[in-house]
Amino acid sequence: MEEEEDNKSNKKIILASKSPRRRRILELLKVNFEVIEPIDINEKLLKNPIITVFHNSNLKAQNVYSRVIIDNLNYNNTLIAGFDTVVFFKNRYLGKPEDLSEAIEFLKLLSGKSHLVISGVAVIDSNSGKTIVDSQTTVVKFKVLQHEEIENYLRLEDVTDKAGAYDISGFGGVLIEKINGCFYNVAGLPVFKFINLLKRFNYKVL
C-alpha cells in the first residue's frame, strides 16, 4: 500500500495540450499535473480516424517530451500525456467550424443522427521513453434539431474552437439524445482509457 502511494505521489502528469476542457478534467481527477503546450506541430487528418488520433496524440506527447523533458532534471519521473479528438460522420471529419455558416452546416448534418467521437491518448514515461498509445470511441446521437434551435444554441455558446460545432460539457448537452460510451471522451479526454494507461506505468489515481 505504501509503495502504491509512493508511485502516485512521486510522479507528475504533464498535459501536452492547450485545451481548457482537458485541464478541467484532470483537475476533477485530482492528479498532480502541469500543462506544457506542444508547439510547431503538423497534425494530420488521415483516411482512418483511429490512425489519425493515434498519430496526432503521439505527435503532441513526443513534441513536449523531446522539446522540454529530455535532459531537464526538473522533469524526472513524469508521465507526458497527449490527446487528440475528432468528430467523424459519414467518412467526413467535422473539425472546428471556420464561421457561423459552417457551424450551422455541421449541426444540420448531425441533427437526428449518430456520429463518432474518437480520441487518441499517448503516454510517455520521461525516465525510460516508453510510450503507449490507445484510443476510445463514443457514439453520440443528436436529437432532431429545428433551425431555430440551432441558431439559438449558437447564440448561447461559442463553438469556434469545438470540433463538430458543439460542446457536450457545456450548453451543447441539450442537443444530445443519447451517447454510447465514455462521456468524457466526447469532451476530449477519455478518463477510463487514460486511467488504465496510467496503471500500466504504475501510476494509480485511486
N, C-alpha and C. Protein backbone atom coordinates (compact mmCIF):
# COMPACT_ATOMS: atom_id res chain seq x y z
N MET A 1 0.83 -1.20 0.00
CA MET A 1 0.00 0.00 0.00
C MET A 1 0.86 1.25 0.00
N GLU A 2 1.93 1.26 0.83
CA GLU A 2 2.81 2.41 0.89
C GLU A 2 3.53 2.61 -0.44
N GLU A 3 3.89 1.48 -1.10
CA GLU A 3 4.58 1.59 -2.38
C GLU A 3 3.68 2.23 -3.42
N GLU A 4 2.36 1.85 -3.42
CA GLU A 4 1.42 2.45 -4.36
C GLU A 4 1.28 3.94 -4.10
N GLU A 5 1.24 4.33 -2.83
CA GLU A 5 1.13 5.75 -2.52
C GLU A 5 2.36 6.49 -3.03
N ASP A 6 3.55 5.87 -2.88
CA ASP A 6 4.77 6.49 -3.35
C ASP A 6 4.75 6.65 -4.86
N ASN A 7 4.27 5.60 -5.55
CA ASN A 7 4.21 5.66 -7.00
C ASN A 7 3.39 6.84 -7.46
N LYS A 8 2.26 7.08 -6.77
CA LYS A 8 1.41 8.17 -7.18
C LYS A 8 2.01 9.52 -6.80
N SER A 9 2.47 9.65 -5.57
CA SER A 9 2.92 10.95 -5.08
C SER A 9 4.20 11.42 -5.75
N ASN A 10 5.03 10.48 -6.22
CA ASN A 10 6.32 10.86 -6.78
C ASN A 10 6.28 11.19 -8.26
N LYS A 11 5.16 10.95 -8.90
CA LYS A 11 5.06 11.20 -10.33
C LYS A 11 4.18 12.43 -10.59
N LYS A 12 4.52 13.12 -11.66
CA LYS A 12 3.69 14.24 -12.10
C LYS A 12 3.24 13.97 -13.53
N ILE A 13 2.01 14.33 -13.84
CA ILE A 13 1.50 14.23 -15.20
C ILE A 13 1.80 15.54 -15.91
N ILE A 14 2.33 15.46 -17.12
CA ILE A 14 2.50 16.63 -17.97
C ILE A 14 1.42 16.55 -19.05
N LEU A 15 0.51 17.50 -19.05
CA LEU A 15 -0.54 17.55 -20.05
C LEU A 15 -0.03 18.30 -21.27
N ALA A 16 0.17 17.57 -22.36
CA ALA A 16 0.68 18.17 -23.59
C ALA A 16 -0.51 18.65 -24.42
N SER A 17 -1.14 19.71 -23.95
CA SER A 17 -2.36 20.20 -24.60
C SER A 17 -2.65 21.62 -24.15
N LYS A 18 -3.28 22.40 -25.02
CA LYS A 18 -3.71 23.74 -24.64
C LYS A 18 -5.21 23.79 -24.35
N SER A 19 -5.86 22.63 -24.35
CA SER A 19 -7.31 22.57 -24.17
C SER A 19 -7.72 22.85 -22.73
N PRO A 20 -8.53 23.87 -22.50
CA PRO A 20 -9.01 24.13 -21.12
C PRO A 20 -9.92 23.03 -20.61
N ARG A 21 -10.63 22.36 -21.52
CA ARG A 21 -11.52 21.27 -21.09
C ARG A 21 -10.72 20.08 -20.56
N ARG A 22 -9.61 19.76 -21.21
CA ARG A 22 -8.77 18.66 -20.72
C ARG A 22 -8.16 19.03 -19.37
N ARG A 23 -7.78 20.28 -19.24
CA ARG A 23 -7.24 20.72 -17.95
C ARG A 23 -8.28 20.57 -16.85
N ARG A 24 -9.52 20.95 -17.13
CA ARG A 24 -10.58 20.84 -16.12
C ARG A 24 -10.84 19.39 -15.73
N ILE A 25 -10.77 18.48 -16.71
CA ILE A 25 -10.99 17.07 -16.40
C ILE A 25 -9.88 16.53 -15.50
N LEU A 26 -8.63 16.90 -15.77
CA LEU A 26 -7.54 16.46 -14.89
C LEU A 26 -7.69 17.06 -13.50
N GLU A 27 -8.19 18.27 -13.41
CA GLU A 27 -8.44 18.85 -12.09
C GLU A 27 -9.50 18.04 -11.33
N LEU A 28 -10.51 17.57 -12.05
CA LEU A 28 -11.54 16.74 -11.42
C LEU A 28 -10.95 15.43 -10.91
N LEU A 29 -9.95 14.91 -11.62
CA LEU A 29 -9.31 13.65 -11.22
C LEU A 29 -8.35 13.83 -10.05
N LYS A 30 -8.08 15.10 -9.69
CA LYS A 30 -7.22 15.43 -8.54
C LYS A 30 -5.82 14.83 -8.67
N VAL A 31 -5.29 14.86 -9.90
CA VAL A 31 -3.93 14.38 -10.11
C VAL A 31 -2.97 15.57 -10.09
N ASN A 32 -1.71 15.28 -9.79
CA ASN A 32 -0.67 16.30 -9.80
C ASN A 32 -0.22 16.48 -11.24
N PHE A 33 -0.52 17.64 -11.83
CA PHE A 33 -0.18 17.82 -13.24
C PHE A 33 0.26 19.25 -13.54
N GLU A 34 0.91 19.37 -14.68
CA GLU A 34 1.36 20.66 -15.20
C GLU A 34 1.05 20.68 -16.69
N VAL A 35 0.72 21.84 -17.21
CA VAL A 35 0.43 21.97 -18.64
C VAL A 35 1.66 22.50 -19.37
N ILE A 36 2.09 21.79 -20.40
CA ILE A 36 3.11 22.28 -21.32
C ILE A 36 2.56 22.08 -22.73
N GLU A 37 2.31 23.16 -23.43
CA GLU A 37 1.68 23.07 -24.74
C GLU A 37 2.67 22.64 -25.81
N PRO A 38 2.26 21.72 -26.69
CA PRO A 38 3.10 21.40 -27.85
C PRO A 38 3.12 22.60 -28.81
N ILE A 39 4.22 22.79 -29.50
CA ILE A 39 4.32 23.90 -30.45
C ILE A 39 4.90 23.40 -31.76
N ASP A 40 4.57 24.11 -32.83
CA ASP A 40 5.11 23.82 -34.17
C ASP A 40 4.91 22.37 -34.58
N ILE A 41 3.68 21.88 -34.38
CA ILE A 41 3.38 20.51 -34.80
C ILE A 41 2.47 20.55 -36.02
N ASN A 42 2.55 19.51 -36.81
CA ASN A 42 1.76 19.42 -38.04
C ASN A 42 0.79 18.24 -37.91
N GLU A 43 -0.38 18.52 -37.35
CA GLU A 43 -1.38 17.47 -37.20
C GLU A 43 -1.91 17.05 -38.57
N LYS A 44 -2.30 15.78 -38.67
CA LYS A 44 -2.78 15.26 -39.94
C LYS A 44 -4.18 14.67 -39.78
N LEU A 45 -4.94 14.73 -40.86
CA LEU A 45 -6.21 14.02 -40.96
C LEU A 45 -6.03 12.93 -42.01
N LEU A 46 -5.90 11.70 -41.54
CA LEU A 46 -5.69 10.56 -42.42
C LEU A 46 -7.03 9.90 -42.74
N LYS A 47 -7.02 8.98 -43.66
CA LYS A 47 -8.27 8.35 -44.09
C LYS A 47 -8.95 7.63 -42.94
N ASN A 48 -8.16 6.95 -42.12
CA ASN A 48 -8.69 6.21 -40.98
C ASN A 48 -8.65 7.09 -39.73
N PRO A 49 -9.80 7.37 -39.10
CA PRO A 49 -9.79 8.29 -37.96
C PRO A 49 -9.04 7.76 -36.74
N ILE A 50 -9.01 6.44 -36.56
CA ILE A 50 -8.27 5.89 -35.42
C ILE A 50 -6.77 6.06 -35.62
N ILE A 51 -6.30 5.82 -36.84
CA ILE A 51 -4.88 6.07 -37.13
C ILE A 51 -4.57 7.56 -36.97
N THR A 52 -5.52 8.41 -37.35
CA THR A 52 -5.35 9.85 -37.20
C THR A 52 -5.11 10.24 -35.75
N VAL A 53 -5.98 9.78 -34.84
CA VAL A 53 -5.84 10.19 -33.43
C VAL A 53 -4.62 9.53 -32.78
N PHE A 54 -4.26 8.32 -33.23
CA PHE A 54 -3.01 7.71 -32.76
C PHE A 54 -1.83 8.62 -33.12
N HIS A 55 -1.79 9.02 -34.37
CA HIS A 55 -0.68 9.83 -34.86
C HIS A 55 -0.61 11.17 -34.13
N ASN A 56 -1.74 11.87 -34.07
CA ASN A 56 -1.73 13.23 -33.53
C ASN A 56 -1.51 13.28 -32.02
N SER A 57 -2.10 12.34 -31.29
CA SER A 57 -1.88 12.34 -29.84
C SER A 57 -0.42 12.02 -29.51
N ASN A 58 0.15 11.08 -30.24
CA ASN A 58 1.55 10.74 -30.03
C ASN A 58 2.47 11.89 -30.45
N LEU A 59 2.10 12.57 -31.53
CA LEU A 59 2.87 13.71 -32.00
C LEU A 59 2.96 14.79 -30.93
N LYS A 60 1.83 15.07 -30.27
CA LYS A 60 1.81 16.11 -29.24
C LYS A 60 2.66 15.71 -28.03
N ALA A 61 2.51 14.46 -27.59
CA ALA A 61 3.28 13.99 -26.44
C ALA A 61 4.78 13.97 -26.76
N GLN A 62 5.13 13.47 -27.94
CA GLN A 62 6.55 13.41 -28.32
C GLN A 62 7.15 14.80 -28.48
N ASN A 63 6.35 15.75 -28.95
CA ASN A 63 6.82 17.12 -29.09
C ASN A 63 7.27 17.69 -27.75
N VAL A 64 6.43 17.52 -26.74
CA VAL A 64 6.77 18.03 -25.42
C VAL A 64 7.91 17.25 -24.81
N TYR A 65 7.89 15.94 -25.00
CA TYR A 65 8.95 15.08 -24.46
C TYR A 65 10.31 15.47 -25.02
N SER A 66 10.42 15.62 -26.33
CA SER A 66 11.71 15.90 -26.96
C SER A 66 12.12 17.36 -26.80
N ARG A 67 11.15 18.26 -26.70
CA ARG A 67 11.46 19.69 -26.65
C ARG A 67 11.74 20.17 -25.23
N VAL A 68 11.06 19.58 -24.25
CA VAL A 68 11.13 20.12 -22.89
C VAL A 68 11.67 19.11 -21.88
N ILE A 69 11.27 17.86 -22.01
CA ILE A 69 11.50 16.90 -20.94
C ILE A 69 12.91 16.31 -20.96
N ILE A 70 13.38 15.87 -22.13
CA ILE A 70 14.69 15.23 -22.21
C ILE A 70 15.78 16.19 -21.71
N ASP A 71 16.66 15.69 -20.88
CA ASP A 71 17.79 16.44 -20.33
C ASP A 71 17.39 17.54 -19.35
N ASN A 72 16.13 17.57 -18.96
CA ASN A 72 15.69 18.56 -17.97
C ASN A 72 15.43 17.82 -16.66
N LEU A 73 16.34 17.99 -15.70
CA LEU A 73 16.24 17.24 -14.45
C LEU A 73 14.99 17.59 -13.66
N ASN A 74 14.40 18.75 -13.94
CA ASN A 74 13.17 19.13 -13.23
C ASN A 74 11.99 18.25 -13.60
N TYR A 75 12.12 17.52 -14.70
CA TYR A 75 11.01 16.70 -15.16
C TYR A 75 11.32 15.21 -15.11
N ASN A 76 12.23 14.82 -14.24
CA ASN A 76 12.42 13.39 -14.00
C ASN A 76 11.16 12.80 -13.38
N ASN A 77 10.90 11.55 -13.70
CA ASN A 77 9.78 10.83 -13.09
C ASN A 77 8.43 11.47 -13.39
N THR A 78 8.25 11.84 -14.66
CA THR A 78 6.97 12.38 -15.09
C THR A 78 6.38 11.50 -16.18
N LEU A 79 5.08 11.65 -16.38
CA LEU A 79 4.37 10.99 -17.47
C LEU A 79 3.77 12.06 -18.36
N ILE A 80 4.14 12.06 -19.64
CA ILE A 80 3.65 13.06 -20.57
C ILE A 80 2.44 12.48 -21.30
N ALA A 81 1.33 13.21 -21.29
CA ALA A 81 0.09 12.72 -21.89
C ALA A 81 -0.36 13.65 -23.01
N GLY A 82 -0.49 13.09 -24.20
CA GLY A 82 -1.01 13.83 -25.34
C GLY A 82 -2.35 13.25 -25.79
N PHE A 83 -3.23 14.12 -26.26
CA PHE A 83 -4.57 13.70 -26.66
C PHE A 83 -4.93 14.31 -28.01
N ASP A 84 -5.80 13.62 -28.73
CA ASP A 84 -6.36 14.17 -29.96
C ASP A 84 -7.77 13.63 -30.11
N THR A 85 -8.71 14.52 -30.43
CA THR A 85 -10.11 14.12 -30.54
C THR A 85 -10.68 14.59 -31.87
N VAL A 86 -11.39 13.69 -32.55
CA VAL A 86 -12.03 14.06 -33.82
C VAL A 86 -13.51 13.67 -33.77
N VAL A 87 -14.30 14.44 -34.52
CA VAL A 87 -15.70 14.11 -34.75
C VAL A 87 -15.79 13.58 -36.18
N PHE A 88 -16.34 12.38 -36.32
CA PHE A 88 -16.33 11.68 -37.61
C PHE A 88 -17.75 11.27 -37.97
N PHE A 89 -18.20 11.70 -39.15
CA PHE A 89 -19.58 11.44 -39.58
C PHE A 89 -19.60 11.13 -41.08
N LYS A 90 -20.04 9.92 -41.41
CA LYS A 90 -20.16 9.50 -42.81
C LYS A 90 -18.86 9.75 -43.58
N ASN A 91 -17.77 9.22 -43.02
CA ASN A 91 -16.45 9.30 -43.64
C ASN A 91 -15.95 10.73 -43.81
N ARG A 92 -16.45 11.62 -42.98
CA ARG A 92 -16.03 13.03 -43.05
C ARG A 92 -15.66 13.53 -41.66
N TYR A 93 -14.55 14.25 -41.58
CA TYR A 93 -14.17 14.90 -40.33
C TYR A 93 -14.93 16.22 -40.20
N LEU A 94 -15.54 16.42 -39.04
CA LEU A 94 -16.17 17.70 -38.74
C LEU A 94 -15.29 18.39 -37.71
N GLY A 95 -14.43 19.27 -38.18
CA GLY A 95 -13.49 19.93 -37.30
C GLY A 95 -14.07 21.17 -36.65
N LYS A 96 -13.22 22.09 -36.28
CA LYS A 96 -13.68 23.33 -35.69
C LYS A 96 -14.24 24.21 -36.81
N PRO A 97 -15.46 24.68 -36.67
CA PRO A 97 -16.07 25.46 -37.76
C PRO A 97 -15.32 26.77 -38.00
N GLU A 98 -15.18 27.11 -39.25
CA GLU A 98 -14.47 28.35 -39.60
C GLU A 98 -15.31 29.58 -39.35
N ASP A 99 -16.63 29.41 -39.41
CA ASP A 99 -17.50 30.56 -39.19
C ASP A 99 -18.89 30.05 -38.80
N LEU A 100 -19.82 30.99 -38.59
CA LEU A 100 -21.17 30.64 -38.16
C LEU A 100 -21.87 29.79 -39.20
N SER A 101 -21.66 30.09 -40.46
CA SER A 101 -22.30 29.34 -41.53
C SER A 101 -21.90 27.87 -41.50
N GLU A 102 -20.61 27.61 -41.28
CA GLU A 102 -20.16 26.21 -41.23
C GLU A 102 -20.65 25.52 -39.96
N ALA A 103 -20.74 26.25 -38.86
CA ALA A 103 -21.28 25.68 -37.62
C ALA A 103 -22.72 25.24 -37.83
N ILE A 104 -23.51 26.07 -38.50
CA ILE A 104 -24.90 25.70 -38.81
C ILE A 104 -24.94 24.46 -39.69
N GLU A 105 -24.06 24.42 -40.69
CA GLU A 105 -23.99 23.26 -41.59
C GLU A 105 -23.71 21.98 -40.81
N PHE A 106 -22.73 22.03 -39.90
CA PHE A 106 -22.38 20.85 -39.12
C PHE A 106 -23.56 20.37 -38.28
N LEU A 107 -24.22 21.27 -37.59
CA LEU A 107 -25.31 20.88 -36.71
C LEU A 107 -26.51 20.36 -37.51
N LYS A 108 -26.73 20.88 -38.68
CA LYS A 108 -27.79 20.35 -39.55
C LYS A 108 -27.45 18.92 -39.99
N LEU A 109 -26.18 18.70 -40.30
CA LEU A 109 -25.75 17.35 -40.69
C LEU A 109 -25.97 16.35 -39.56
N LEU A 110 -25.67 16.76 -38.32
CA LEU A 110 -25.73 15.86 -37.18
C LEU A 110 -27.15 15.69 -36.63
N SER A 111 -28.04 16.59 -36.97
CA SER A 111 -29.41 16.56 -36.44
C SER A 111 -30.09 15.21 -36.66
N GLY A 112 -30.52 14.60 -35.55
CA GLY A 112 -31.26 13.34 -35.62
C GLY A 112 -30.43 12.12 -35.96
N LYS A 113 -29.12 12.28 -36.04
CA LYS A 113 -28.26 11.18 -36.47
C LYS A 113 -27.17 10.89 -35.44
N SER A 114 -26.52 9.74 -35.62
CA SER A 114 -25.41 9.34 -34.76
C SER A 114 -24.08 9.61 -35.46
N HIS A 115 -23.10 10.01 -34.68
CA HIS A 115 -21.75 10.21 -35.20
C HIS A 115 -20.74 9.66 -34.20
N LEU A 116 -19.51 9.58 -34.61
CA LEU A 116 -18.44 9.04 -33.76
C LEU A 116 -17.58 10.17 -33.22
N VAL A 117 -17.23 10.07 -31.95
CA VAL A 117 -16.19 10.92 -31.37
C VAL A 117 -15.06 9.99 -30.96
N ILE A 118 -13.90 10.20 -31.55
CA ILE A 118 -12.77 9.30 -31.36
C ILE A 118 -11.60 10.09 -30.78
N SER A 119 -11.08 9.61 -29.66
CA SER A 119 -9.93 10.26 -29.04
C SER A 119 -8.74 9.31 -28.99
N GLY A 120 -7.58 9.85 -29.27
CA GLY A 120 -6.34 9.13 -29.06
C GLY A 120 -5.69 9.64 -27.80
N VAL A 121 -5.01 8.77 -27.08
CA VAL A 121 -4.25 9.16 -25.89
C VAL A 121 -2.89 8.49 -25.94
N ALA A 122 -1.85 9.30 -25.80
CA ALA A 122 -0.48 8.79 -25.80
C ALA A 122 0.18 9.17 -24.48
N VAL A 123 0.82 8.21 -23.83
CA VAL A 123 1.51 8.47 -22.57
C VAL A 123 2.97 8.03 -22.71
N ILE A 124 3.88 8.93 -22.32
CA ILE A 124 5.32 8.66 -22.39
C ILE A 124 5.92 8.76 -21.00
N ASP A 125 6.71 7.77 -20.63
CA ASP A 125 7.46 7.81 -19.37
C ASP A 125 8.75 8.58 -19.60
N SER A 126 8.94 9.67 -18.86
CA SER A 126 10.12 10.52 -19.08
C SER A 126 11.42 9.81 -18.74
N ASN A 127 11.36 8.84 -17.83
CA ASN A 127 12.59 8.16 -17.42
C ASN A 127 13.09 7.18 -18.47
N SER A 128 12.15 6.44 -19.05
CA SER A 128 12.55 5.37 -19.97
C SER A 128 12.25 5.68 -21.44
N GLY A 129 11.37 6.63 -21.69
CA GLY A 129 10.93 6.89 -23.06
C GLY A 129 9.86 5.93 -23.53
N LYS A 130 9.48 4.99 -22.66
CA LYS A 130 8.43 4.05 -23.02
C LYS A 130 7.16 4.80 -23.38
N THR A 131 6.52 4.40 -24.50
CA THR A 131 5.33 5.08 -24.99
C THR A 131 4.21 4.07 -25.24
N ILE A 132 3.03 4.40 -24.77
CA ILE A 132 1.84 3.60 -25.06
C ILE A 132 0.78 4.52 -25.65
N VAL A 133 0.18 4.09 -26.76
CA VAL A 133 -0.86 4.87 -27.42
C VAL A 133 -2.12 4.02 -27.55
N ASP A 134 -3.26 4.60 -27.27
CA ASP A 134 -4.53 3.87 -27.39
C ASP A 134 -5.61 4.85 -27.82
N SER A 135 -6.82 4.34 -28.02
CA SER A 135 -7.91 5.21 -28.45
C SER A 135 -9.22 4.80 -27.81
N GLN A 136 -10.17 5.70 -27.84
CA GLN A 136 -11.51 5.46 -27.30
C GLN A 136 -12.53 6.03 -28.28
N THR A 137 -13.60 5.28 -28.53
CA THR A 137 -14.66 5.74 -29.43
C THR A 137 -15.98 5.81 -28.70
N THR A 138 -16.69 6.91 -28.88
CA THR A 138 -18.02 7.09 -28.30
C THR A 138 -18.99 7.41 -29.43
N VAL A 139 -20.16 6.80 -29.39
CA VAL A 139 -21.21 7.09 -30.37
C VAL A 139 -22.16 8.12 -29.75
N VAL A 140 -22.35 9.21 -30.44
CA VAL A 140 -23.22 10.29 -29.96
C VAL A 140 -24.38 10.46 -30.91
N LYS A 141 -25.60 10.45 -30.38
CA LYS A 141 -26.77 10.69 -31.21
C LYS A 141 -27.41 12.02 -30.85
N PHE A 142 -27.57 12.85 -31.85
CA PHE A 142 -28.26 14.13 -31.66
C PHE A 142 -29.76 13.94 -31.74
N LYS A 143 -30.49 14.74 -31.02
CA LYS A 143 -31.93 14.81 -31.24
C LYS A 143 -32.18 15.57 -32.54
N VAL A 144 -33.40 15.49 -33.03
CA VAL A 144 -33.75 16.25 -34.23
C VAL A 144 -33.80 17.73 -33.87
N LEU A 145 -33.03 18.52 -34.60
CA LEU A 145 -32.91 19.94 -34.30
C LEU A 145 -33.64 20.78 -35.33
N GLN A 146 -34.45 21.70 -34.85
CA GLN A 146 -35.06 22.68 -35.73
C GLN A 146 -34.05 23.79 -36.00
N HIS A 147 -34.23 24.46 -37.14
CA HIS A 147 -33.29 25.52 -37.50
C HIS A 147 -33.21 26.59 -36.41
N GLU A 148 -34.36 26.92 -35.83
CA GLU A 148 -34.39 27.93 -34.77
C GLU A 148 -33.58 27.48 -33.56
N GLU A 149 -33.64 26.19 -33.24
CA GLU A 149 -32.88 25.66 -32.11
C GLU A 149 -31.37 25.76 -32.37
N ILE A 150 -30.98 25.47 -33.60
CA ILE A 150 -29.56 25.57 -33.96
C ILE A 150 -29.08 27.01 -33.81
N GLU A 151 -29.86 27.94 -34.33
CA GLU A 151 -29.47 29.35 -34.24
C GLU A 151 -29.43 29.82 -32.79
N ASN A 152 -30.41 29.40 -31.99
CA ASN A 152 -30.43 29.79 -30.58
C ASN A 152 -29.20 29.23 -29.84
N TYR A 153 -28.87 27.97 -30.13
CA TYR A 153 -27.71 27.36 -29.48
C TYR A 153 -26.44 28.12 -29.81
N LEU A 154 -26.26 28.46 -31.08
CA LEU A 154 -25.03 29.12 -31.50
C LEU A 154 -24.94 30.55 -30.97
N ARG A 155 -26.07 31.12 -30.60
CA ARG A 155 -26.04 32.43 -29.95
C ARG A 155 -25.58 32.31 -28.49
N LEU A 156 -25.86 31.15 -27.91
CA LEU A 156 -25.58 30.96 -26.48
C LEU A 156 -24.20 30.40 -26.20
N GLU A 157 -23.59 29.75 -27.18
CA GLU A 157 -22.29 29.10 -26.92
C GLU A 157 -21.32 29.32 -28.07
N ASP A 158 -20.11 29.71 -27.73
CA ASP A 158 -19.06 29.89 -28.72
C ASP A 158 -18.49 28.52 -29.10
N VAL A 159 -18.65 28.14 -30.35
CA VAL A 159 -18.21 26.81 -30.78
C VAL A 159 -17.05 26.88 -31.78
N THR A 160 -16.44 28.05 -31.89
CA THR A 160 -15.38 28.21 -32.89
C THR A 160 -14.17 27.32 -32.61
N ASP A 161 -14.01 26.90 -31.36
CA ASP A 161 -12.89 26.01 -31.03
C ASP A 161 -13.36 24.61 -30.67
N LYS A 162 -14.59 24.25 -31.11
CA LYS A 162 -15.17 22.94 -30.77
C LYS A 162 -15.35 22.11 -32.04
N ALA A 163 -14.72 20.95 -32.08
CA ALA A 163 -14.92 20.04 -33.21
C ALA A 163 -16.39 19.64 -33.28
N GLY A 164 -16.93 19.66 -34.48
CA GLY A 164 -18.34 19.31 -34.66
C GLY A 164 -19.29 20.44 -34.33
N ALA A 165 -18.77 21.57 -33.83
CA ALA A 165 -19.57 22.77 -33.52
C ALA A 165 -20.49 22.59 -32.32
N TYR A 166 -20.05 21.78 -31.34
CA TYR A 166 -20.82 21.69 -30.10
C TYR A 166 -19.91 21.29 -28.95
N ASP A 167 -20.36 21.59 -27.75
CA ASP A 167 -19.61 21.27 -26.53
C ASP A 167 -20.52 20.49 -25.59
N ILE A 168 -20.29 19.19 -25.51
CA ILE A 168 -21.17 18.34 -24.69
C ILE A 168 -21.04 18.68 -23.21
N SER A 169 -19.91 19.23 -22.80
CA SER A 169 -19.72 19.56 -21.40
C SER A 169 -20.27 20.95 -21.07
N GLY A 170 -20.78 21.65 -22.07
CA GLY A 170 -21.39 22.94 -21.87
C GLY A 170 -22.88 22.88 -22.19
N PHE A 171 -23.38 23.97 -22.77
CA PHE A 171 -24.81 24.01 -23.10
C PHE A 171 -25.16 23.04 -24.23
N GLY A 172 -24.13 22.57 -24.95
CA GLY A 172 -24.35 21.63 -26.04
C GLY A 172 -24.97 20.32 -25.60
N GLY A 173 -24.99 20.06 -24.29
CA GLY A 173 -25.64 18.85 -23.80
C GLY A 173 -27.11 18.78 -24.17
N VAL A 174 -27.75 19.94 -24.41
CA VAL A 174 -29.18 19.94 -24.75
C VAL A 174 -29.42 19.41 -26.15
N LEU A 175 -28.37 19.28 -26.95
CA LEU A 175 -28.51 18.79 -28.32
C LEU A 175 -28.51 17.26 -28.39
N ILE A 176 -28.10 16.62 -27.30
CA ILE A 176 -27.82 15.19 -27.32
C ILE A 176 -29.03 14.37 -26.89
N GLU A 177 -29.36 13.37 -27.69
CA GLU A 177 -30.42 12.42 -27.31
C GLU A 177 -29.84 11.30 -26.46
N LYS A 178 -28.70 10.75 -26.87
CA LYS A 178 -28.07 9.70 -26.08
C LYS A 178 -26.64 9.51 -26.55
N ILE A 179 -25.84 8.89 -25.67
CA ILE A 179 -24.47 8.53 -26.05
C ILE A 179 -24.23 7.07 -25.67
N ASN A 180 -23.35 6.45 -26.41
CA ASN A 180 -22.94 5.07 -26.12
C ASN A 180 -21.43 5.06 -25.98
N GLY A 181 -20.98 5.04 -24.72
CA GLY A 181 -19.55 5.08 -24.46
C GLY A 181 -19.21 6.13 -23.43
N CYS A 182 -17.94 6.51 -23.39
CA CYS A 182 -17.43 7.43 -22.38
C CYS A 182 -17.86 8.87 -22.65
N PHE A 183 -18.54 9.48 -21.67
CA PHE A 183 -18.96 10.88 -21.79
C PHE A 183 -17.74 11.79 -21.90
N TYR A 184 -16.74 11.57 -21.03
CA TYR A 184 -15.58 12.46 -21.00
C TYR A 184 -14.77 12.39 -22.29
N ASN A 185 -14.87 11.26 -22.99
CA ASN A 185 -14.21 11.14 -24.28
C ASN A 185 -14.72 12.22 -25.24
N VAL A 186 -16.01 12.49 -25.19
CA VAL A 186 -16.60 13.49 -26.08
C VAL A 186 -16.09 14.88 -25.72
N ALA A 187 -15.72 15.07 -24.46
CA ALA A 187 -15.16 16.35 -24.01
C ALA A 187 -13.66 16.44 -24.29
N GLY A 188 -13.06 15.35 -24.79
CA GLY A 188 -11.67 15.42 -25.22
C GLY A 188 -10.67 14.63 -24.42
N LEU A 189 -11.11 14.00 -23.30
CA LEU A 189 -10.17 13.21 -22.51
C LEU A 189 -10.87 11.96 -22.00
N PRO A 190 -10.61 10.81 -22.64
CA PRO A 190 -11.27 9.57 -22.26
C PRO A 190 -10.76 9.05 -20.92
N VAL A 191 -11.48 9.37 -19.86
CA VAL A 191 -11.00 9.14 -18.50
C VAL A 191 -10.69 7.67 -18.23
N PHE A 192 -11.62 6.78 -18.55
CA PHE A 192 -11.42 5.35 -18.26
C PHE A 192 -10.17 4.83 -18.97
N LYS A 193 -10.05 5.16 -20.25
CA LYS A 193 -8.89 4.70 -21.02
C LYS A 193 -7.60 5.28 -20.46
N PHE A 194 -7.63 6.56 -20.13
CA PHE A 194 -6.44 7.25 -19.62
C PHE A 194 -5.98 6.64 -18.30
N ILE A 195 -6.91 6.41 -17.39
CA ILE A 195 -6.56 5.83 -16.09
C ILE A 195 -5.95 4.45 -16.26
N ASN A 196 -6.51 3.67 -17.18
CA ASN A 196 -5.95 2.33 -17.42
C ASN A 196 -4.54 2.40 -18.00
N LEU A 197 -4.28 3.40 -18.85
CA LEU A 197 -2.92 3.55 -19.37
C LEU A 197 -1.95 3.94 -18.25
N LEU A 198 -2.41 4.84 -17.37
CA LEU A 198 -1.55 5.24 -16.25
C LEU A 198 -1.18 4.06 -15.38
N LYS A 199 -2.11 3.13 -15.18
CA LYS A 199 -1.82 1.94 -14.38
C LYS A 199 -0.68 1.13 -14.97
N ARG A 200 -0.56 1.14 -16.29
CA ARG A 200 0.50 0.39 -16.94
C ARG A 200 1.88 1.01 -16.70
N PHE A 201 1.87 2.24 -16.17
CA PHE A 201 3.12 2.90 -15.78
C PHE A 201 3.22 2.95 -14.24
N ASN A 202 2.46 2.08 -13.58
CA ASN A 202 2.45 2.01 -12.11
C ASN A 202 2.00 3.29 -11.43
N TYR A 203 1.10 4.00 -12.12
CA TYR A 203 0.51 5.21 -11.53
C TYR A 203 -0.97 4.92 -11.31
N LYS A 204 -1.42 5.08 -10.08
CA LYS A 204 -2.81 4.81 -9.76
C LYS A 204 -3.49 6.09 -9.29
N VAL A 205 -4.64 6.38 -9.86
CA VAL A 205 -5.38 7.57 -9.45
C VAL A 205 -6.03 7.36 -8.10
N LEU A 206 -6.53 6.14 -7.86
CA LEU A 206 -7.12 5.81 -6.55
C LEU A 206 -6.23 4.81 -5.81
